[in-house]
Amino acid sequence: MKKIKVLAVVMAMAFLFVGAASAEMYVEGYIGGVLPANTGQTVDVATVPGPFFVSSAHYNFGGQMEPTVMGGVRLGTWFVPEGFAGLSYPGWMKYFGFYTDFNYQRLYTRDTTLTGTDFLGLTDGAVGGVPAGGSLALTSVGFMKTEGTIATWAFMFAGRYGFFPDSEVPFGRLQPYVAVGPAIMFSSLKPKIFTTAISTLGFYNGFEETQMSPGTRSSTDIALAVDAGLRYMALKNVSLDLGFKWRYAQPTYTFSGQNNVQSFGNVTPGQFTLSPVYSLFSFHAGAAYHF
């Protein structure tokens, strides 16, 4: 929470700074694609009690993402001599700028075989209540898939260089740029797990299939954002942009599993946590208006 408050103050100052600029500001819309990436998720299912056995598991889930579409908007400015508060920036400042960027995408992962380890123990009261148990390596106990959304609000400090200057665009019509900055990532995730290693009956490994479909959870996290691109000034006030983005964050989602069969009365559903590593690579094409 403290990190969010600090970033909110930085955001407010940045907006005041950008809002006061009056030269070389621009607004841009863009659309692009997100490349497949491995989210590196693990699934830790807490103890699931049944009338005969209790079981828990640690699964590995590759989390290979499907390609998806991403869209966004950007508002920025370059620090030219005619800029902020009427100040005359040094000439070298025209190579630097600031922009805020918001983009949105859907998130899908492919059906992936689950592997890992499982623990089995006797439920109190079963077979005289004698506790017993042990761990077993699991190589194929079902599959898992996820879907969700990711929205990223980034605050970027940028640098550029100009090529092919002319009287209409003195800085140069072709402008490669790079940018880096903090971001806030708003994400949601909805998993589905199908396995025979954990059962509502408390049986072990194959007696009964379990489906965990616990709904959607959300997370808000601090992220790192990096951009690189090439802007072409087609007109004095209109530019075309081809760019590349990288976003990095580590959210955590906690779920309460819902089993598909409720045999022998009500059985407490399994609790599990997903902690994916989002390393998102994307490319985009956009158009901007400069004012």
Protein backbone atom coordinates (compact mmCIF):
# COMPACT_ATOMS: atom_id res chain seq x y z
CA MET A 1 0.00 0.00 0.00
CA LYS A 2 2.86 2.40 0.81
CA LYS A 3 4.36 1.74 -2.63
CA ILE A 4 1.05 2.58 -4.28
CA LYS A 5 0.79 5.87 -2.33
CA VAL A 6 4.33 6.91 -3.23
CA LEU A 7 3.73 6.14 -6.89
CA ALA A 8 0.45 8.08 -6.78
CA VAL A 9 2.35 11.19 -5.61
CA VAL A 10 4.90 10.73 -8.40
CA MET A 11 2.04 10.38 -10.88
CA ALA A 12 0.38 13.58 -9.69
CA MET A 13 3.64 15.54 -10.00
CA ALA A 14 4.26 14.09 -13.44
CA PHE A 15 0.81 15.10 -14.65
CA LEU A 16 1.29 18.64 -13.36
CA PHE A 17 4.61 18.74 -15.15
CA VAL A 18 3.25 17.46 -18.42
CA GLY A 19 0.07 19.51 -18.19
CA ALA A 20 2.07 22.72 -17.98
CA ALA A 21 4.01 22.03 -21.15
CA SER A 22 2.81 23.84 -24.25
CA ALA A 23 5.17 22.72 -27.00
CA GLU A 24 5.78 19.37 -28.67
CA MET A 25 3.03 17.66 -26.73
CA TYR A 26 1.35 14.72 -28.44
CA VAL A 27 -1.47 12.24 -27.98
CA GLU A 28 -1.26 8.80 -29.57
CA GLY A 29 -3.40 5.73 -30.07
CA TYR A 30 -1.90 2.36 -30.93
CA ILE A 31 -2.71 -1.31 -31.42
CA GLY A 32 -0.48 -4.37 -31.51
CA GLY A 33 0.13 -7.94 -30.41
CA VAL A 34 1.52 -9.63 -27.32
CA LEU A 35 4.02 -12.40 -27.97
CA PRO A 36 3.67 -15.79 -26.22
CA ALA A 37 5.64 -16.04 -22.98
CA ASN A 38 6.07 -18.50 -20.15
CA THR A 39 4.43 -17.18 -16.97
CA GLY A 40 6.22 -19.69 -14.76
CA GLN A 41 3.31 -20.46 -12.43
CA THR A 42 3.29 -22.91 -9.53
CA VAL A 43 0.17 -24.22 -7.81
CA ASP A 44 0.25 -24.99 -4.09
CA VAL A 45 -2.98 -26.76 -3.05
CA ALA A 46 -3.49 -26.70 0.70
CA THR A 47 -4.76 -29.74 2.59
CA VAL A 48 -8.03 -31.11 1.21
CA PRO A 49 -9.82 -33.27 3.86
CA GLY A 50 -12.08 -36.18 2.87
CA PRO A 51 -13.77 -38.90 4.92
CA PHE A 52 -10.87 -41.32 4.33
CA PHE A 53 -7.71 -39.39 3.42
CA VAL A 54 -6.32 -35.88 3.38
CA SER A 55 -4.13 -34.75 0.50
CA SER A 56 -2.19 -31.69 -0.60
CA ALA A 57 -0.06 -30.97 -3.62
CA HIS A 58 2.58 -28.76 -5.18
CA TYR A 59 2.12 -28.57 -8.97
CA ASN A 60 4.23 -27.10 -11.72
CA PHE A 61 2.39 -25.30 -14.52
CA GLY A 62 4.28 -24.07 -17.58
CA GLY A 63 1.76 -21.31 -18.28
CA GLN A 64 2.51 -20.86 -21.98
CA MET A 65 0.56 -17.77 -23.07
CA GLU A 66 -1.45 -17.59 -26.26
CA PRO A 67 -0.82 -14.61 -28.61
CA THR A 68 -3.33 -11.85 -28.00
CA VAL A 69 -4.17 -8.30 -29.09
CA MET A 70 -3.10 -5.23 -27.10
CA GLY A 71 -4.32 -1.63 -27.48
CA GLY A 72 -3.47 1.61 -25.75
CA VAL A 73 -3.14 5.39 -25.61
CA ARG A 74 -0.22 7.68 -24.80
CA LEU A 75 0.13 11.34 -23.77
CA GLY A 76 3.57 12.93 -23.75
CA THR A 77 5.85 15.88 -24.32
CA TRP A 78 9.46 16.60 -25.27
CA PHE A 79 11.47 19.17 -23.31
CA VAL A 80 12.06 21.72 -26.07
CA PRO A 81 13.25 25.30 -25.34
CA GLU A 82 9.68 26.66 -25.67
CA GLY A 83 8.38 24.23 -23.05
CA PHE A 84 7.42 24.06 -19.39
CA ALA A 85 6.24 27.25 -17.66
CA GLY A 86 7.80 29.46 -20.32
CA LEU A 87 11.29 28.39 -19.30
CA SER A 88 13.97 28.22 -21.91
CA TYR A 89 15.45 24.75 -21.61
CA PRO A 90 19.04 24.18 -22.70
CA GLY A 91 19.22 22.97 -26.27
CA TRP A 92 20.31 19.47 -25.26
CA MET A 93 17.03 18.93 -23.35
CA LYS A 94 15.14 18.50 -26.64
CA TYR A 95 16.47 14.95 -26.71
CA PHE A 96 14.49 14.03 -23.59
CA GLY A 97 10.82 13.81 -22.68
CA PHE A 98 8.11 12.21 -20.58
CA TYR A 99 4.90 10.36 -21.39
CA THR A 100 2.22 8.37 -19.63
CA ASP A 101 0.99 5.22 -21.33
CA PHE A 102 -2.08 3.03 -20.71
CA ASN A 103 -2.63 -0.30 -22.44
CA TYR A 104 -4.95 -3.29 -22.09
CA GLN A 105 -4.87 -6.93 -23.16
CA ARG A 106 -6.59 -10.25 -22.55
CA LEU A 107 -4.61 -13.15 -21.09
CA TYR A 108 -4.94 -16.84 -22.03
CA THR A 109 -2.72 -19.82 -21.23
CA ARG A 110 -2.81 -23.15 -23.01
CA ASP A 111 -4.03 -26.39 -21.44
CA THR A 112 -0.87 -27.72 -19.79
CA THR A 113 -0.14 -31.05 -18.08
CA LEU A 114 0.41 -30.74 -14.34
CA THR A 115 3.45 -32.29 -12.65
CA GLY A 116 4.79 -32.02 -9.11
CA THR A 117 4.47 -33.75 -5.75
CA ASP A 118 1.48 -34.92 -3.71
CA PHE A 119 1.12 -35.75 0.01
CA LEU A 120 -1.34 -38.36 1.31
CA GLY A 121 -2.40 -38.86 4.95
CA LEU A 122 -5.21 -40.63 6.79
CA THR A 123 -8.15 -38.56 8.01
CA ASP A 124 -8.75 -38.58 11.78
CA GLY A 125 -11.18 -41.39 12.53
CA ALA A 126 -10.29 -43.43 9.46
CA VAL A 127 -8.79 -46.87 10.22
CA GLY A 128 -8.76 -46.12 13.91
CA GLY A 129 -7.42 -42.65 13.34
CA VAL A 130 -3.86 -43.81 12.86
CA PRO A 131 -2.00 -41.07 10.97
CA ALA A 132 0.05 -42.15 7.98
CA GLY A 133 1.28 -40.58 4.83
CA GLY A 134 4.06 -39.78 2.44
CA SER A 135 5.01 -37.79 -0.65
CA LEU A 136 4.85 -39.01 -4.22
CA ALA A 137 6.33 -37.49 -7.36
CA LEU A 138 3.64 -36.84 -9.98
CA THR A 139 4.40 -36.66 -13.69
CA SER A 140 0.90 -36.36 -15.17
CA VAL A 141 -2.11 -35.80 -12.93
CA GLY A 142 -4.37 -33.64 -15.01
CA PHE A 143 -4.17 -30.25 -16.68
CA MET A 144 -4.69 -26.56 -15.99
CA LYS A 145 -5.52 -23.45 -18.00
CA THR A 146 -6.11 -19.79 -17.12
CA GLU A 147 -7.67 -16.68 -18.58
CA GLY A 148 -7.72 -13.07 -17.43
CA THR A 149 -6.89 -9.46 -18.20
CA ILE A 150 -3.92 -7.12 -17.79
CA ALA A 151 -4.00 -3.32 -17.85
CA THR A 152 -0.77 -1.36 -17.36
CA TRP A 153 -0.45 2.35 -16.59
CA ALA A 154 3.17 3.41 -17.14
CA PHE A 155 5.08 6.66 -16.46
CA MET A 156 7.96 6.84 -18.87
CA PHE A 157 11.10 8.95 -19.10
CA ALA A 158 12.25 8.95 -22.71
CA GLY A 159 15.19 9.84 -24.92
CA ARG A 160 15.21 10.36 -28.72
CA TYR A 161 17.40 11.35 -31.64
CA GLY A 162 16.45 13.00 -34.93
CA PHE A 163 17.43 12.20 -38.52
CA PHE A 164 16.58 13.95 -41.80
CA PRO A 165 15.73 17.46 -40.52
CA ASP A 166 13.98 19.94 -42.79
CA SER A 167 12.27 23.30 -42.50
CA GLU A 168 8.95 21.76 -41.39
CA VAL A 169 10.46 19.39 -38.78
CA PRO A 170 13.81 20.90 -37.69
CA PHE A 171 14.52 18.13 -35.16
CA GLY A 172 14.32 15.44 -37.87
CA ARG A 173 11.52 13.44 -39.43
CA LEU A 174 12.83 10.05 -38.32
CA GLN A 175 13.07 9.78 -34.52
CA PRO A 176 14.17 6.55 -32.81
CA TYR A 177 13.45 6.57 -29.06
CA VAL A 178 13.86 4.53 -25.87
CA ALA A 179 12.03 4.92 -22.55
CA VAL A 180 11.92 3.37 -19.09
CA GLY A 181 9.79 3.94 -16.02
CA PRO A 182 7.58 2.55 -13.24
CA ALA A 183 4.07 1.30 -13.90
CA ILE A 184 0.98 0.07 -12.11
CA MET A 185 -0.30 -3.28 -13.37
CA PHE A 186 -3.97 -4.12 -12.81
CA SER A 187 -4.56 -7.81 -13.51
CA SER A 188 -7.16 -10.53 -13.05
CA LEU A 189 -6.88 -14.30 -13.34
CA LYS A 190 -9.40 -17.14 -13.61
CA PRO A 191 -7.88 -20.65 -13.43
CA LYS A 192 -9.38 -24.08 -14.09
CA ILE A 193 -7.68 -27.18 -12.70
CA PHE A 194 -8.65 -30.77 -13.55
CA THR A 195 -6.83 -33.46 -11.59
CA THR A 196 -7.17 -37.01 -10.26
CA ALA A 197 -4.61 -36.53 -7.48
CA ILE A 198 -6.98 -34.69 -5.14
CA SER A 199 -10.49 -36.01 -4.64
CA THR A 200 -13.61 -34.85 -2.85
CA LEU A 201 -13.91 -38.40 -1.47
CA GLY A 202 -10.46 -38.26 0.03
CA PHE A 203 -9.35 -41.15 -2.18
CA TYR A 204 -5.91 -40.93 -3.74
CA ASN A 205 -4.67 -40.56 -7.31
CA GLY A 206 -7.24 -41.70 -9.81
CA PHE A 207 -10.33 -42.82 -7.92
CA GLU A 208 -12.23 -39.67 -8.74
CA GLU A 209 -11.61 -36.57 -10.84
CA THR A 210 -11.62 -33.15 -9.20
CA GLN A 211 -12.33 -29.86 -10.91
CA MET A 212 -11.21 -26.61 -9.28
CA SER A 213 -12.84 -23.57 -10.87
CA PRO A 214 -12.83 -20.92 -8.13
CA GLY A 215 -13.71 -17.82 -10.11
CA THR A 216 -11.68 -14.67 -10.73
CA ARG A 217 -9.19 -12.88 -8.47
CA SER A 218 -7.55 -9.47 -9.04
CA SER A 219 -4.20 -7.97 -8.12
CA THR A 220 -2.62 -4.50 -8.30
CA ASP A 221 1.17 -4.44 -8.46
CA ILE A 222 4.14 -2.20 -9.17
CA ALA A 223 5.69 -3.09 -12.53
CA LEU A 224 8.73 -2.17 -14.61
CA ALA A 225 8.15 -0.83 -18.13
CA VAL A 226 10.62 -0.47 -21.02
CA ASP A 227 9.82 0.87 -24.51
CA ALA A 228 11.75 1.28 -27.74
CA GLY A 229 10.48 2.51 -31.07
CA LEU A 230 10.80 4.48 -34.26
CA ARG A 231 8.64 7.54 -34.93
CA TYR A 232 8.26 9.15 -38.35
CA MET A 233 6.89 12.70 -38.68
CA ALA A 234 4.68 12.30 -41.76
CA LEU A 235 3.43 15.89 -41.31
CA LYS A 236 4.36 18.71 -38.98
CA ASN A 237 1.62 17.66 -36.55
CA VAL A 238 1.13 13.98 -37.41
CA SER A 239 3.50 11.08 -36.77
CA LEU A 240 3.50 7.31 -37.27
CA ASP A 241 5.04 5.06 -34.64
CA LEU A 242 6.36 1.48 -34.62
CA GLY A 243 7.31 0.29 -31.16
CA PHE A 244 8.25 -2.54 -28.84
CA LYS A 245 7.21 -2.91 -25.17
CA TRP A 246 8.31 -4.98 -22.21
CA ARG A 247 6.36 -5.14 -18.95
CA TYR A 248 7.45 -7.05 -15.84
CA ALA A 249 5.50 -7.77 -12.64
CA GLN A 250 4.97 -10.54 -10.07
CA PRO A 251 1.35 -10.65 -8.85
CA THR A 252 -0.10 -13.19 -6.40
CA TYR A 253 -3.64 -14.61 -6.46
CA THR A 254 -5.22 -16.76 -3.72
CA PHE A 255 -8.18 -19.03 -4.53
CA SER A 256 -10.58 -21.36 -2.78
CA GLY A 257 -11.12 -24.39 -5.03
CA GLN A 258 -14.61 -25.64 -5.85
CA ASN A 259 -14.84 -29.40 -6.37
CA ASN A 260 -17.15 -30.85 -8.98
CA VAL A 261 -18.45 -33.69 -6.78
CA GLN A 262 -19.66 -33.41 -3.19
CA SER A 263 -19.80 -37.06 -2.14
CA PHE A 264 -20.18 -38.17 1.49
CA GLY A 265 -21.45 -34.76 2.57
CA ASN A 266 -19.80 -31.39 2.31
CA VAL A 267 -16.06 -31.43 1.83
CA THR A 268 -13.86 -28.39 2.39
CA PRO A 269 -12.49 -27.23 -1.00
CA GLY A 270 -8.76 -26.91 -1.52
CA GLN A 271 -7.04 -23.57 -1.08
CA PHE A 272 -4.35 -22.72 -3.60
CA THR A 273 -2.16 -19.81 -4.68
CA LEU A 274 -0.85 -18.75 -8.08
CA SER A 275 2.25 -16.56 -8.29
CA PRO A 276 2.96 -16.03 -12.00
CA VAL A 277 5.88 -14.00 -13.29
CA TYR A 278 4.60 -11.72 -16.06
CA SER A 279 7.35 -10.88 -18.52
CA LEU A 280 5.28 -9.46 -21.37
CA PHE A 281 6.78 -8.66 -24.78
CA SER A 282 4.62 -6.78 -27.28
CA PHE A 283 4.86 -4.75 -30.46
CA HIS A 284 2.56 -2.01 -31.73
CA ALA A 285 1.81 0.45 -34.51
CA GLY A 286 0.27 3.85 -33.76
CA ALA A 287 -0.48 7.34 -34.96
CA ALA A 288 -0.05 10.56 -32.98
CA TYR A 289 -1.18 14.16 -33.20
CA HIS A 290 1.34 16.81 -32.06
CA PHE A 291 0.29 20.19 -30.68
